[in-house]
Amino acid sequence: VAKAHKYANESFAAELLPVKDSLEATLAAENATLEALKSGVELTLKQLATVFEKSNIREINPIGEKFDPHRHQAISMLPSDKEPNTIINVLQKGYLLNDRVVRPALVTVAKARDA
């Protein structure tokens, strides 16, 4: 049981290694153009998204949704024409692991305009 607990993240770690390799290769590239660097970072982000998908890590990007204190953390409220308690801006995406919040999304929430 102790071994199983100790090495539970082994497959996740193995999936992350190519992502680290890609980042290191990007940093090691000499005289790379900005376009080449951007392309490399985009490919690395795709690799990371694949790892997240395999590990059942999902993004919380709740723009336009109702505020949910179990999944979102409100940083501020701003007057808006949107319905009160609607998320109008996402400052930082949140993440779920098997439907459990790992990090709530940091959001700005609409409040009614003063009359």
Protein backbone atom coordinates (compact mmCIF):
# COMPACT_ATOMS: atom_id res chain seq x y z
CA VAL A 1 0.00 0.00 0.00
CA ALA A 2 2.84 2.37 0.85
CA LYS A 3 4.50 1.66 -2.52
CA ALA A 4 1.24 2.20 -4.39
CA HIS A 5 0.75 5.54 -2.65
CA LYS A 6 4.38 6.57 -3.19
CA TYR A 7 4.31 5.86 -6.93
CA ALA A 8 0.69 6.79 -7.68
CA ASN A 9 1.78 9.75 -9.80
CA GLU A 10 4.32 7.79 -11.85
CA SER A 11 2.28 7.72 -15.07
CA PHE A 12 1.43 11.42 -14.73
CA ALA A 13 5.13 12.21 -14.25
CA ALA A 14 6.03 10.11 -17.29
CA GLU A 15 3.45 12.01 -19.37
CA LEU A 16 4.95 15.36 -18.28
CA LEU A 17 8.53 14.51 -19.26
CA PRO A 18 8.06 15.21 -23.01
CA VAL A 19 6.55 18.59 -22.09
CA LYS A 20 9.67 19.45 -20.06
CA ASP A 21 11.89 18.17 -22.89
CA SER A 22 10.09 20.45 -25.35
CA LEU A 23 10.51 23.49 -23.11
CA GLU A 24 14.22 22.75 -22.64
CA ALA A 25 14.68 22.31 -26.40
CA THR A 26 13.01 25.67 -26.99
CA LEU A 27 15.31 27.38 -24.49
CA ALA A 28 18.38 25.67 -25.98
CA ALA A 29 17.61 26.86 -29.52
CA GLU A 30 20.07 29.53 -30.54
CA ASN A 31 19.13 32.30 -32.96
CA ALA A 32 15.50 31.16 -33.04
CA THR A 33 13.07 33.66 -34.49
CA LEU A 34 10.17 34.94 -32.44
CA GLU A 35 7.81 33.07 -34.77
CA ALA A 36 9.70 29.78 -34.24
CA LEU A 37 9.67 30.26 -30.46
CA LYS A 38 5.94 31.01 -30.49
CA SER A 39 5.28 27.93 -32.61
CA GLY A 40 7.32 25.78 -30.20
CA VAL A 41 5.47 27.13 -27.18
CA GLU A 42 2.10 26.48 -28.88
CA LEU A 43 3.10 22.87 -29.61
CA THR A 44 4.27 22.44 -26.02
CA LEU A 45 0.97 23.81 -24.74
CA LYS A 46 -0.83 21.23 -26.91
CA GLN A 47 1.34 18.50 -25.36
CA LEU A 48 0.42 19.74 -21.89
CA ALA A 49 -3.29 19.86 -22.80
CA THR A 50 -3.04 16.21 -23.92
CA VAL A 51 -1.44 15.25 -20.59
CA PHE A 52 -4.20 17.10 -18.72
CA GLU A 53 -6.87 15.32 -20.77
CA LYS A 54 -5.35 11.87 -20.11
CA SER A 55 -5.14 12.71 -16.38
CA ASN A 56 -8.73 14.02 -16.28
CA ILE A 57 -7.66 17.58 -15.48
CA ARG A 58 -10.17 20.02 -16.93
CA GLU A 59 -10.14 23.78 -17.29
CA ILE A 60 -12.62 26.09 -15.58
CA ASN A 61 -13.09 29.10 -17.88
CA PRO A 62 -16.51 30.38 -16.76
CA ILE A 63 -16.95 33.60 -18.75
CA GLY A 64 -20.66 34.38 -19.00
CA GLU A 65 -21.65 31.77 -16.40
CA LYS A 66 -23.31 32.36 -13.03
CA PHE A 67 -20.86 32.80 -10.15
CA ASP A 68 -20.38 29.56 -8.19
CA PRO A 69 -18.38 29.97 -4.95
CA HIS A 70 -17.43 26.28 -5.11
CA ARG A 71 -15.63 26.73 -8.45
CA HIS A 72 -14.88 30.44 -8.67
CA GLN A 73 -13.16 33.04 -6.53
CA ALA A 74 -14.46 36.57 -7.06
CA ILE A 75 -11.74 39.20 -7.04
CA SER A 76 -14.08 42.13 -7.68
CA MET A 77 -17.54 43.16 -8.73
CA LEU A 78 -18.12 45.72 -11.47
CA PRO A 79 -21.26 47.52 -12.60
CA SER A 80 -22.46 45.87 -15.78
CA ASP A 81 -25.44 45.52 -18.08
CA LYS A 82 -25.10 41.76 -17.61
CA GLU A 83 -27.28 40.00 -15.07
CA PRO A 84 -25.91 40.41 -11.49
CA ASN A 85 -23.63 37.55 -10.36
CA THR A 86 -22.64 36.74 -13.95
CA ILE A 87 -18.92 36.30 -14.55
CA ILE A 88 -17.75 39.08 -16.86
CA ASN A 89 -14.00 38.50 -16.79
CA VAL A 90 -11.69 35.57 -16.01
CA LEU A 91 -8.36 36.72 -14.61
CA GLN A 92 -7.00 33.20 -14.12
CA LYS A 93 -8.53 29.93 -15.26
CA GLY A 94 -9.32 27.31 -12.66
CA TYR A 95 -8.82 23.56 -12.88
CA LEU A 96 -10.71 20.41 -11.88
CA LEU A 97 -9.24 16.99 -11.21
CA ASN A 98 -11.94 14.34 -11.55
CA ASP A 99 -14.58 17.00 -10.81
CA ARG A 100 -12.76 18.21 -7.67
CA VAL A 101 -11.57 21.81 -7.74
CA VAL A 102 -7.77 21.96 -7.70
CA ARG A 103 -7.73 25.71 -8.25
CA PRO A 104 -10.78 27.96 -8.48
CA ALA A 105 -11.03 30.41 -11.37
CA LEU A 106 -10.26 34.01 -10.36
CA VAL A 107 -13.09 36.10 -11.74
CA THR A 108 -14.76 39.49 -11.91
CA VAL A 109 -18.51 39.38 -11.31
CA ALA A 110 -21.23 41.71 -12.61
CA LYS A 111 -23.26 43.79 -10.22
CA ALA A 112 -26.28 45.93 -11.01
CA ARG A 113 -25.63 49.46 -12.19
CA ASP A 114 -26.71 52.12 -9.73
CA ALA A 115 -29.86 53.90 -10.82
